[in-house]
């Protein structure tokens, strides 16, 4: 079945990662007064999903490119999702964040990349080739789904470590829907 192939691919990507990546990402998130999250295309959708979940957990988080996003400053964290690590629209954003004194973290399938060189912290998902496109899973699908699951695992650990309950998360959920 097709869903089994998808799950197997995501599992292969996540199983091939560095076991300390999740802890390092959470440490970077916890150490930042404000978190800015960006991506392009479908990676931007995964980034927005994670931004919302961080907000539910009580973090101060902004999505790059939204009209209400404030200026990044020293000590803030910019988290970028880019499968290629070379997304042209994200490079100047990462450079500006660095110039402002913010830390830059990258989730990518290509750690040896232009964004990888700018990043303070790099999470490599599928750098061994397991995130490459396959028939039925084109154009970065495996990376995006793997990033989504990896970032949801971060939320899982954050919720457990902070002892957050469903009611705590729901209290921060949008109520003007």
Protein backbone atom coordinates (compact mmCIF):
# COMPACT_ATOMS: atom_id res chain seq x y z
CA UNK A 1 0.00 0.00 0.00
CA UNK A 2 1.15 3.52 -0.70
CA UNK A 3 0.86 4.76 2.87
CA UNK A 4 3.23 1.96 4.00
CA UNK A 5 5.85 3.15 1.45
CA UNK A 6 5.50 6.71 2.75
CA UNK A 7 5.80 5.66 6.38
CA UNK A 8 8.79 3.43 5.59
CA UNK A 9 10.57 6.31 3.82
CA UNK A 10 9.96 8.72 6.71
CA UNK A 11 11.08 6.07 9.17
CA UNK A 12 14.30 5.51 7.19
CA UNK A 13 15.06 9.24 7.21
CA UNK A 14 14.44 9.64 10.92
CA UNK A 15 16.27 6.44 11.86
CA UNK A 16 19.34 7.65 9.97
CA UNK A 17 19.56 10.95 11.86
CA UNK A 18 21.74 12.00 14.77
CA UNK A 19 20.10 11.00 18.04
CA UNK A 20 21.20 14.27 19.69
CA UNK A 21 19.54 16.53 17.09
CA UNK A 22 16.20 16.63 18.88
CA UNK A 23 17.75 17.56 22.23
CA UNK A 24 19.97 20.25 20.63
CA UNK A 25 16.98 21.79 18.83
CA UNK A 26 14.91 21.89 22.02
CA UNK A 27 17.83 23.45 23.91
CA UNK A 28 18.11 26.15 21.22
CA UNK A 29 14.36 26.80 21.40
CA UNK A 30 14.41 27.01 25.20
CA UNK A 31 17.38 29.36 25.13
CA UNK A 32 15.78 31.91 22.83
CA UNK A 33 13.56 34.72 24.06
CA UNK A 34 11.83 34.74 20.67
CA UNK A 35 11.72 32.24 17.84
CA UNK A 36 11.36 33.11 14.17
CA UNK A 37 10.48 30.29 11.78
CA UNK A 38 10.76 30.29 8.01
CA UNK A 39 10.67 28.08 4.97
CA UNK A 40 9.58 28.19 1.36
CA UNK A 41 6.97 26.19 -0.48
CA UNK A 42 5.79 23.07 1.30
CA UNK A 43 8.62 23.38 3.82
CA UNK A 44 6.98 26.67 4.81
CA UNK A 45 3.80 24.75 5.57
CA UNK A 46 5.70 22.39 7.88
CA UNK A 47 7.38 25.44 9.45
CA UNK A 48 4.03 27.12 10.09
CA UNK A 49 2.64 23.94 11.62
CA UNK A 50 5.60 23.84 14.03
CA UNK A 51 5.27 27.55 14.83
CA UNK A 52 1.65 27.03 15.86
CA UNK A 53 2.55 24.06 18.04
CA UNK A 54 5.34 26.04 19.74
CA UNK A 55 2.86 28.83 20.45
CA UNK A 56 0.54 26.26 22.03
CA UNK A 57 3.47 25.26 24.27
CA UNK A 58 3.97 28.84 25.45
CA UNK A 59 6.88 29.98 23.29
CA UNK A 60 7.00 33.44 21.72
CA UNK A 61 7.13 32.57 18.05
CA UNK A 62 6.76 34.39 14.74
CA UNK A 63 6.53 33.24 11.14
CA UNK A 64 8.96 35.00 8.81
CA UNK A 65 7.14 37.02 6.18
CA UNK A 66 3.94 37.69 8.12
CA UNK A 67 3.11 41.39 8.33
CA UNK A 68 3.07 41.34 12.14
CA UNK A 69 6.50 39.73 12.48
CA UNK A 70 8.80 42.09 14.44
CA UNK A 71 12.49 42.73 13.91
CA UNK A 72 14.82 39.94 14.88
CA UNK A 73 17.35 40.92 17.56
CA UNK A 74 20.39 39.52 19.34
CA UNK A 75 19.62 36.35 21.24
CA UNK A 76 16.61 35.40 19.12
CA UNK A 77 16.53 32.16 17.14
CA UNK A 78 15.75 31.82 13.45
CA UNK A 79 14.75 28.28 12.54
CA UNK A 80 14.79 27.60 8.81
CA UNK A 81 13.43 24.55 7.01
CA UNK A 82 15.02 23.92 3.62
CA UNK A 83 15.46 20.50 2.08
CA UNK A 84 18.10 21.79 -0.33
CA UNK A 85 19.80 24.09 2.16
CA UNK A 86 20.12 26.54 -0.71
CA UNK A 87 16.69 28.14 -1.07
CA UNK A 88 17.47 31.53 -2.61
CA UNK A 89 14.76 33.42 -0.71
CA UNK A 90 15.95 32.08 2.65
CA UNK A 91 19.64 32.91 2.31
CA UNK A 92 19.25 36.70 2.78
CA UNK A 93 16.90 36.10 5.71
CA UNK A 94 19.48 33.90 7.45
CA UNK A 95 22.21 36.46 6.75
CA UNK A 96 20.09 39.29 8.23
CA UNK A 97 19.34 37.23 11.33
CA UNK A 98 23.05 36.51 11.82
CA UNK A 99 23.92 40.18 11.31
CA UNK A 100 21.36 41.11 13.99
CA UNK A 101 23.00 38.70 16.45
CA UNK A 102 20.38 35.97 16.28
CA UNK A 103 21.26 32.29 16.23
CA UNK A 104 20.32 30.36 13.12
CA UNK A 105 19.15 26.75 13.14
CA UNK A 106 18.51 24.75 9.99
CA UNK A 107 16.54 21.59 9.31
CA UNK A 108 17.72 20.24 5.96
CA UNK A 109 18.60 17.22 3.85
CA UNK A 110 21.79 18.99 2.71
CA UNK A 111 23.91 20.11 5.67
CA UNK A 112 26.85 20.93 3.37
CA UNK A 113 25.04 23.85 1.78
CA UNK A 114 24.92 27.65 1.77
CA UNK A 115 22.36 27.71 4.59
CA UNK A 116 24.29 24.99 6.41
CA UNK A 117 27.36 27.23 6.43
CA UNK A 118 25.34 30.10 7.95
CA UNK A 119 23.66 28.00 10.63
CA UNK A 120 24.81 27.64 14.21
CA UNK A 121 22.86 24.38 14.53
CA UNK A 122 22.04 21.97 11.72
CA UNK A 123 19.59 19.08 11.85
CA UNK A 124 20.29 16.77 8.91
CA UNK A 125 17.31 14.69 7.85
CA UNK A 126 18.01 12.28 5.03
CA UNK A 127 21.51 13.55 4.28
CA UNK A 128 22.37 9.92 3.47
CA UNK A 129 20.05 10.10 0.45
CA UNK A 130 17.01 8.59 2.16
CA UNK A 131 15.05 11.84 1.66
CA UNK A 132 15.54 11.88 -2.10
CA UNK A 133 12.51 11.94 -4.39
CA UNK A 134 11.08 8.62 -5.42
CA UNK A 135 8.25 7.62 -7.75
CA UNK A 136 5.07 8.76 -6.07
CA UNK A 137 7.03 10.90 -3.61
CA UNK A 138 8.32 13.76 -5.78
CA UNK A 139 9.81 17.19 -5.19
CA UNK A 140 10.91 16.95 -1.58
CA UNK A 141 7.90 15.10 -0.20
CA UNK A 142 9.99 12.72 1.90
CA UNK A 143 11.99 15.59 3.44
CA UNK A 144 8.90 17.65 4.24
CA UNK A 145 7.05 14.76 5.84
CA UNK A 146 10.17 13.74 7.77
CA UNK A 147 10.68 17.31 8.98
CA UNK A 148 7.05 17.48 10.08
CA UNK A 149 7.36 14.25 12.08
CA UNK A 150 10.76 15.27 13.52
CA UNK A 151 9.37 18.63 14.65
CA UNK A 152 6.28 16.97 16.10
CA UNK A 153 8.65 14.72 18.08
CA UNK A 154 10.20 17.92 19.47
CA UNK A 155 6.73 19.07 20.54
CA UNK A 156 6.09 15.67 22.12
CA UNK A 157 9.28 16.00 24.19
CA UNK A 158 8.55 19.64 25.10
CA UNK A 159 5.03 18.79 26.26
CA UNK A 160 6.37 15.92 28.38
CA UNK A 161 9.29 17.91 29.84
CA UNK A 162 7.11 20.88 30.76
CA UNK A 163 4.28 18.71 32.05
CA UNK A 164 1.82 20.45 29.75
CA UNK A 165 -1.72 19.15 29.62
CA UNK A 166 -4.27 19.27 26.81
CA UNK A 167 -6.03 22.10 28.69
CA UNK A 168 -2.81 24.15 28.75
CA UNK A 169 -2.42 23.84 24.99
CA UNK A 170 -6.12 24.47 24.31
CA UNK A 171 -6.02 27.65 26.41
CA UNK A 172 -3.58 29.12 23.86
CA UNK A 173 -5.37 27.79 20.78
CA UNK A 174 -7.14 30.28 18.50
CA UNK A 175 -10.68 30.99 19.66
CA UNK A 176 -11.72 33.40 16.90
CA UNK A 177 -12.24 30.61 14.38
